Amino acid sequence: MTEWEKMIKGECYNAEDEHLKDARLRCKQLCYEFNNTPFTKSKKMSCIISKILGKTPKKFNINPTFYCDYGYNIEIGENFYSNHNLVILDCAKVKFGNNVFIGPNCGFYTAEHPLDYQTRNNGIEFAKPITVGNNVWFGGNVCVMPGVIIGDNCVIGGGSVVTKNIPANTVAVGNPCKVIKKI
């Protein structure tokens, strides 16, 4: 089994694998091009994002700066919007539903590292997917951690660190993020 196959399956893999390093380098170059394209060149920006993500809906808007590891593990729904400084560490699948709005300085992190420092220092890591439902709004400075599922119609308050699943039709805030209200 290749390191890429291990990564996709959520097993421990060596992040220093040449194939994975090449894929990250390609993605970082495309992110650089996207982040340095003038706003007046919106068609060029959309074309670059389409190369990063592989599959994009008809209507979406991602404002620079945008960074991700691989890109091909990110799936965005129709009418996706992200404000500035979005970071998606997509070692595992990150799936966003339709009508997802993301405030500035948000991060979605699938990567995890072993607690054992010797294993961690050898470049071994693993990843857990993140799934975001439809009609979800993230305030600014939200971090979503590995393995989290956020249900439909949620609002995640600014500055929250989402470490556990959030049920549909709720408002959740805090560090760690907790449901404070049903919608």
C-alpha atoms as a PDB file:
ATOM      1  CA  MET A   1       0.000   0.000   0.000  1.00  0.00           C
ATOM      2  CA  THR A   2       1.356   3.447  -0.896  1.00  0.00           C
ATOM      3  CA  GLU A   3       1.699   6.258   1.635  1.00  0.00           C
ATOM      4  CA  TRP A   4      -1.027   8.132  -0.265  1.00  0.00           C
ATOM      5  CA  GLU A   5      -3.403   5.161   0.079  1.00  0.00           C
ATOM      6  CA  LYS A   6      -2.648   4.977   3.800  1.00  0.00           C
ATOM      7  CA  MET A   7      -3.303   8.726   4.139  1.00  0.00           C
ATOM      8  CA  ILE A   8      -6.667   8.514   2.365  1.00  0.00           C
ATOM      9  CA  LYS A   9      -7.720   5.518   4.497  1.00  0.00           C
ATOM     10  CA  GLY A  10      -6.914   7.375   7.746  1.00  0.00           C
ATOM     11  CA  GLU A  11      -4.004   5.089   8.625  1.00  0.00           C
ATOM     12  CA  CYS A  12      -0.579   6.196   9.810  1.00  0.00           C
ATOM     13  CA  TYR A  13       1.533   7.303   6.854  1.00  0.00           C
ATOM     14  CA  ASN A  14       4.904   8.909   6.202  1.00  0.00           C
ATOM     15  CA  ALA A  15       4.320  12.545   5.250  1.00  0.00           C
ATOM     16  CA  GLU A  16       7.894  12.705   3.913  1.00  0.00           C
ATOM     17  CA  ASP A  17       7.005  10.318   1.057  1.00  0.00           C
ATOM     18  CA  GLU A  18       8.217  11.797  -2.262  1.00  0.00           C
ATOM     19  CA  HIS A  19       4.822  11.421  -3.980  1.00  0.00           C
ATOM     20  CA  LEU A  20       3.091  13.282  -1.127  1.00  0.00           C
ATOM     21  CA  LYS A  21       5.793  15.962  -0.986  1.00  0.00           C
ATOM     22  CA  ASP A  22       5.449  16.521  -4.758  1.00  0.00           C
ATOM     23  CA  ALA A  23       1.661  16.788  -4.467  1.00  0.00           C
ATOM     24  CA  ARG A  24       1.971  19.349  -1.648  1.00  0.00           C
ATOM     25  CA  LEU A  25       4.555  21.342  -3.603  1.00  0.00           C
ATOM     26  CA  ARG A  26       2.275  21.461  -6.668  1.00  0.00           C
ATOM     27  CA  CYS A  27      -0.610  22.627  -4.496  1.00  0.00           C
ATOM     28  CA  LYS A  28       1.485  25.238  -2.674  1.00  0.00           C
ATOM     29  CA  GLN A  29       2.601  26.658  -6.031  1.00  0.00           C
ATOM     30  CA  LEU A  30      -1.020  26.960  -7.202  1.00  0.00           C
ATOM     31  CA  CYS A  31      -2.003  28.597  -3.884  1.00  0.00           C
ATOM     32  CA  TYR A  32       0.845  31.063  -4.350  1.00  0.00           C
ATOM     33  CA  GLU A  33      -0.388  31.900  -7.862  1.00  0.00           C
ATOM     34  CA  PHE A  34      -3.959  32.315  -6.613  1.00  0.00           C
ATOM     35  CA  ASN A  35      -2.952  34.510  -3.661  1.00  0.00           C
ATOM     36  CA  ASN A  36      -0.852  36.761  -5.902  1.00  0.00           C
ATOM     37  CA  THR A  37      -3.376  37.230  -8.710  1.00  0.00           C
ATOM     38  CA  PRO A  38      -4.957  40.717  -8.776  1.00  0.00           C
ATOM     39  CA  PHE A  39      -8.615  40.850  -7.720  1.00  0.00           C
ATOM     40  CA  THR A  40      -9.418  42.368 -11.113  1.00  0.00           C
ATOM     41  CA  LYS A  41      -8.514  39.000 -12.695  1.00  0.00           C
ATOM     42  CA  SER A  42     -11.420  37.053 -11.169  1.00  0.00           C
ATOM     43  CA  LYS A  43     -11.653  34.569 -14.067  1.00  0.00           C
ATOM     44  CA  LYS A  44      -7.970  33.696 -13.647  1.00  0.00           C
ATOM     45  CA  MET A  45      -8.491  33.287  -9.886  1.00  0.00           C
ATOM     46  CA  SER A  46     -11.423  30.910 -10.484  1.00  0.00           C
ATOM     47  CA  CYS A  47      -9.369  28.925 -12.979  1.00  0.00           C
ATOM     48  CA  ILE A  48      -6.532  28.495 -10.473  1.00  0.00           C
ATOM     49  CA  ILE A  49      -8.909  27.423  -7.681  1.00  0.00           C
ATOM     50  CA  SER A  50     -10.447  24.902 -10.086  1.00  0.00           C
ATOM     51  CA  LYS A  51      -6.974  23.420 -10.609  1.00  0.00           C
ATOM     52  CA  ILE A  52      -6.400  23.256  -6.846  1.00  0.00           C
ATOM     53  CA  LEU A  53      -9.730  21.720  -5.856  1.00  0.00           C
ATOM     54  CA  GLY A  54     -10.282  19.634  -8.949  1.00  0.00           C
ATOM     55  CA  LYS A  55     -14.074  19.997  -8.687  1.00  0.00           C
ATOM     56  CA  THR A  56     -15.855  23.280  -8.082  1.00  0.00           C
ATOM     57  CA  PRO A  57     -19.532  24.287  -8.241  1.00  0.00           C
ATOM     58  CA  LYS A  58     -20.925  26.947 -10.578  1.00  0.00           C
ATOM     59  CA  LYS A  59     -21.173  29.600  -7.866  1.00  0.00           C
ATOM     60  CA  PHE A  60     -18.459  30.047  -5.218  1.00  0.00           C
ATOM     61  CA  ASN A  61     -16.080  32.702  -3.915  1.00  0.00           C
ATOM     62  CA  ILE A  62     -12.793  32.137  -2.107  1.00  0.00           C
ATOM     63  CA  ASN A  63     -10.937  35.297  -1.140  1.00  0.00           C
ATOM     64  CA  PRO A  64      -7.155  35.297  -0.875  1.00  0.00           C
ATOM     65  CA  THR A  65      -5.250  34.319   1.028  1.00  0.00           C
ATOM     66  CA  PHE A  66      -6.069  30.637   0.762  1.00  0.00           C
ATOM     67  CA  TYR A  67      -3.803  27.740   1.689  1.00  0.00           C
ATOM     68  CA  CYS A  68      -4.234  23.983   1.609  1.00  0.00           C
ATOM     69  CA  ASP A  69      -2.019  20.893   1.507  1.00  0.00           C
ATOM     70  CA  TYR A  70      -3.307  18.861  -1.440  1.00  0.00           C
ATOM     71  CA  GLY A  71      -6.526  20.454  -2.675  1.00  0.00           C
ATOM     72  CA  TYR A  72      -7.914  17.301  -4.233  1.00  0.00           C
ATOM     73  CA  ASN A  73      -9.334  16.252  -0.855  1.00  0.00           C
ATOM     74  CA  ILE A  74     -11.511  19.392  -0.622  1.00  0.00           C
ATOM     75  CA  GLU A  75     -15.095  19.414  -1.874  1.00  0.00           C
ATOM     76  CA  ILE A  76     -17.120  22.622  -1.785  1.00  0.00           C
ATOM     77  CA  GLY A  77     -20.848  22.938  -2.384  1.00  0.00           C
ATOM     78  CA  GLU A  78     -22.818  25.477  -4.382  1.00  0.00           C
ATOM     79  CA  ASN A  79     -22.710  29.088  -3.152  1.00  0.00           C
ATOM     80  CA  PHE A  80     -19.597  28.474  -0.992  1.00  0.00           C
ATOM     81  CA  TYR A  81     -18.002  31.663   0.351  1.00  0.00           C
ATOM     82  CA  SER A  82     -14.834  32.182   2.348  1.00  0.00           C
ATOM     83  CA  ASN A  83     -13.418  35.435   3.559  1.00  0.00           C
ATOM     84  CA  HIS A  84      -9.671  36.097   3.757  1.00  0.00           C
ATOM     85  CA  ASN A  85      -7.069  33.735   5.263  1.00  0.00           C
ATOM     86  CA  LEU A  86      -8.724  30.337   4.922  1.00  0.00           C
ATOM     87  CA  VAL A  87      -6.463  27.363   5.742  1.00  0.00           C
ATOM     88  CA  ILE A  88      -7.533  23.791   5.005  1.00  0.00           C
ATOM     89  CA  LEU A  89      -5.119  21.011   5.924  1.00  0.00           C
ATOM     90  CA  ASP A  90      -6.677  18.348   3.722  1.00  0.00           C
ATOM     91  CA  CYS A  91      -4.724  15.165   4.408  1.00  0.00           C
ATOM     92  CA  ALA A  92      -8.199  13.618   4.694  1.00  0.00           C
ATOM     93  CA  LYS A  93     -11.421  14.608   2.942  1.00  0.00           C
ATOM     94  CA  VAL A  94     -12.914  18.001   3.836  1.00  0.00           C
ATOM     95  CA  LYS A  95     -16.452  18.297   2.517  1.00  0.00           C
ATOM     96  CA  PHE A  96     -18.566  21.457   2.663  1.00  0.00           C
ATOM     97  CA  GLY A  97     -22.270  21.458   1.808  1.00  0.00           C
ATOM     98  CA  ASN A  98     -24.168  24.163  -0.069  1.00  0.00           C
ATOM     99  CA  ASN A  99     -24.445  27.743   1.211  1.00  0.00           C
ATOM    100  CA  VAL A 100     -21.482  27.541   3.586  1.00  0.00           C
ATOM    101  CA  PHE A 101     -20.108  30.936   4.649  1.00  0.00           C
ATOM    102  CA  ILE A 102     -16.718  31.165   6.344  1.00  0.00           C
ATOM    103  CA  GLY A 103     -15.472  34.280   8.132  1.00  0.00           C
ATOM    104  CA  PRO A 104     -11.862  35.502   8.034  1.00  0.00           C
ATOM    105  CA  ASN A 105      -8.923  33.614   9.552  1.00  0.00           C
ATOM    106  CA  CYS A 106     -10.590  30.207   9.770  1.00  0.00           C
ATOM    107  CA  GLY A 107      -8.879  26.827   9.689  1.00  0.00           C
ATOM    108  CA  PHE A 108     -10.013  23.276   9.015  1.00  0.00           C
ATOM    109  CA  TYR A 109      -7.398  20.769  10.139  1.00  0.00           C
ATOM    110  CA  THR A 110      -7.596  17.049   9.335  1.00  0.00           C
ATOM    111  CA  ALA A 111      -3.963  16.219  10.202  1.00  0.00           C
ATOM    112  CA  GLU A 112      -3.112  14.506  13.477  1.00  0.00           C
ATOM    113  CA  HIS A 113       0.230  13.486  14.900  1.00  0.00           C
ATOM    114  CA  PRO A 114       1.236  10.599  17.166  1.00  0.00           C
ATOM    115  CA  LEU A 115       1.693  11.373  20.846  1.00  0.00           C
ATOM    116  CA  ASP A 116       4.914   9.355  20.835  1.00  0.00           C
ATOM    117  CA  TYR A 117       7.635  11.859  19.940  1.00  0.00           C
ATOM    118  CA  GLN A 118       9.941   9.327  18.276  1.00  0.00           C
ATOM    119  CA  THR A 119       7.218   8.297  15.818  1.00  0.00           C
ATOM    120  CA  ARG A 120       6.153  11.930  15.325  1.00  0.00           C
ATOM    121  CA  ASN A 121       9.756  13.033  14.696  1.00  0.00           C
ATOM    122  CA  ASN A 122      10.024  10.449  11.897  1.00  0.00           C
ATOM    123  CA  GLY A 123       7.313  12.198   9.865  1.00  0.00           C
ATOM    124  CA  ILE A 124       4.541   9.760  10.702  1.00  0.00           C
ATOM    125  CA  GLU A 125       1.049  11.231  10.898  1.00  0.00           C
ATOM    126  CA  PHE A 126      -2.583  10.344  10.245  1.00  0.00           C
ATOM    127  CA  ALA A 127      -5.731  12.252   9.357  1.00  0.00           C
ATOM    128  CA  LYS A 128      -9.471  12.277  10.024  1.00  0.00           C
ATOM    129  CA  PRO A 129     -12.069  13.803   7.666  1.00  0.00           C
ATOM    130  CA  ILE A 130     -14.164  16.890   8.351  1.00  0.00           C
ATOM    131  CA  THR A 131     -17.754  17.203   7.098  1.00  0.00           C
ATOM    132  CA  VAL A 132     -19.772  20.419   7.103  1.00  0.00           C
ATOM    133  CA  GLY A 133     -23.474  20.346   6.231  1.00  0.00           C
ATOM    134  CA  ASN A 134     -25.584  22.821   4.255  1.00  0.00           C
ATOM    135  CA  ASN A 135     -26.342  26.400   5.332  1.00  0.00           C
ATOM    136  CA  VAL A 136     -23.539  26.652   7.888  1.00  0.00           C
ATOM    137  CA  TRP A 137     -22.005  29.978   8.914  1.00  0.00           C
ATOM    138  CA  PHE A 138     -18.600  30.220  10.614  1.00  0.00           C
ATOM    139  CA  GLY A 139     -17.634  33.437  12.378  1.00  0.00           C
ATOM    140  CA  GLY A 140     -14.069  34.722  12.170  1.00  0.00           C
ATOM    141  CA  ASN A 141     -11.134  32.861  13.713  1.00  0.00           C
ATOM    142  CA  VAL A 142     -12.841  29.469  13.973  1.00  0.00           C
ATOM    143  CA  CYS A 143     -10.729  26.293  14.064  1.00  0.00           C
ATOM    144  CA  VAL A 144     -12.330  22.962  13.161  1.00  0.00           C
ATOM    145  CA  MET A 145     -10.322  19.977  14.332  1.00  0.00           C
ATOM    146  CA  PRO A 146      -9.887  16.483  12.805  1.00  0.00           C
ATOM    147  CA  GLY A 147     -12.845  14.128  12.579  1.00  0.00           C
ATOM    148  CA  VAL A 148     -15.558  16.725  13.266  1.00  0.00           C
ATOM    149  CA  ILE A 149     -19.000  16.636  11.637  1.00  0.00           C
ATOM    150  CA  ILE A 150     -21.076  19.826  11.672  1.00  0.00           C
ATOM    151  CA  GLY A 151     -24.768  19.408  10.870  1.00  0.00           C
ATOM    152  CA  ASP A 152     -26.983  21.481   8.583  1.00  0.00           C
ATOM    153  CA  ASN A 153     -28.138  25.006   9.444  1.00  0.00           C
ATOM    154  CA  CYS A 154     -25.543  25.679  12.161  1.00  0.00           C
ATOM    155  CA  VAL A 155     -23.885  28.892  13.266  1.00  0.00           C
ATOM    156  CA  ILE A 156     -20.398  28.541  14.761  1.00  0.00           C
ATOM    157  CA  GLY A 157     -19.472  31.639  16.760  1.00  0.00           C
ATOM    158  CA  GLY A 158     -16.274  33.580  16.144  1.00  0.00           C
ATOM    159  CA  GLY A 159     -13.145  32.345  17.900  1.00  0.00           C
ATOM    160  CA  SER A 160     -14.538  28.862  18.485  1.00  0.00           C
ATOM    161  CA  VAL A 161     -12.400  25.720  18.509  1.00  0.00           C
ATOM    162  CA  VAL A 162     -14.608  22.874  17.299  1.00  0.00           C
ATOM    163  CA  THR A 163     -13.311  19.594  18.748  1.00  0.00           C
ATOM    164  CA  LYS A 164     -16.535  17.527  18.739  1.00  0.00           C
ATOM    165  CA  ASN A 165     -19.496  17.034  16.401  1.00  0.00           C
ATOM    166  CA  ILE A 166     -22.109  19.796  16.332  1.00  0.00           C
ATOM    167  CA  PRO A 167     -25.734  18.721  15.723  1.00  0.00           C
ATOM    168  CA  ALA A 168     -27.897  20.325  13.046  1.00  0.00           C
ATOM    169  CA  ASN A 169     -29.929  23.473  13.709  1.00  0.00           C
ATOM    170  CA  THR A 170     -27.803  24.832  16.543  1.00  0.00           C
ATOM    171  CA  VAL A 171     -25.655  27.785  17.528  1.00  0.00           C
ATOM    172  CA  ALA A 172     -22.345  26.707  19.044  1.00  0.00           C
ATOM    173  CA  VAL A 173     -19.518  28.811  20.473  1.00  0.00           C
ATOM    174  CA  GLY A 174     -16.428  28.660  22.637  1.00  0.00           C
ATOM    175  CA  ASN A 175     -13.201  26.828  23.286  1.00  0.00           C
ATOM    176  CA  PRO A 176     -14.032  24.032  23.273  1.00  0.00           C
ATOM    177  CA  CYS A 177     -17.069  24.786  21.103  1.00  0.00           C
ATOM    178  CA  LYS A 178     -20.406  23.851  22.719  1.00  0.00           C
ATOM    179  CA  VAL A 179     -24.021  24.162  21.657  1.00  0.00           C
ATOM    180  CA  ILE A 180     -25.667  27.130  23.377  1.00  0.00           C
ATOM    181  CA  LYS A 181     -28.945  27.341  21.477  1.00  0.00           C
ATOM    182  CA  LYS A 182     -31.210  25.410  19.128  1.00  0.00           C
ATOM    183  CA  ILE A 183     -32.377  27.239  16.013  1.00  0.00           C
END
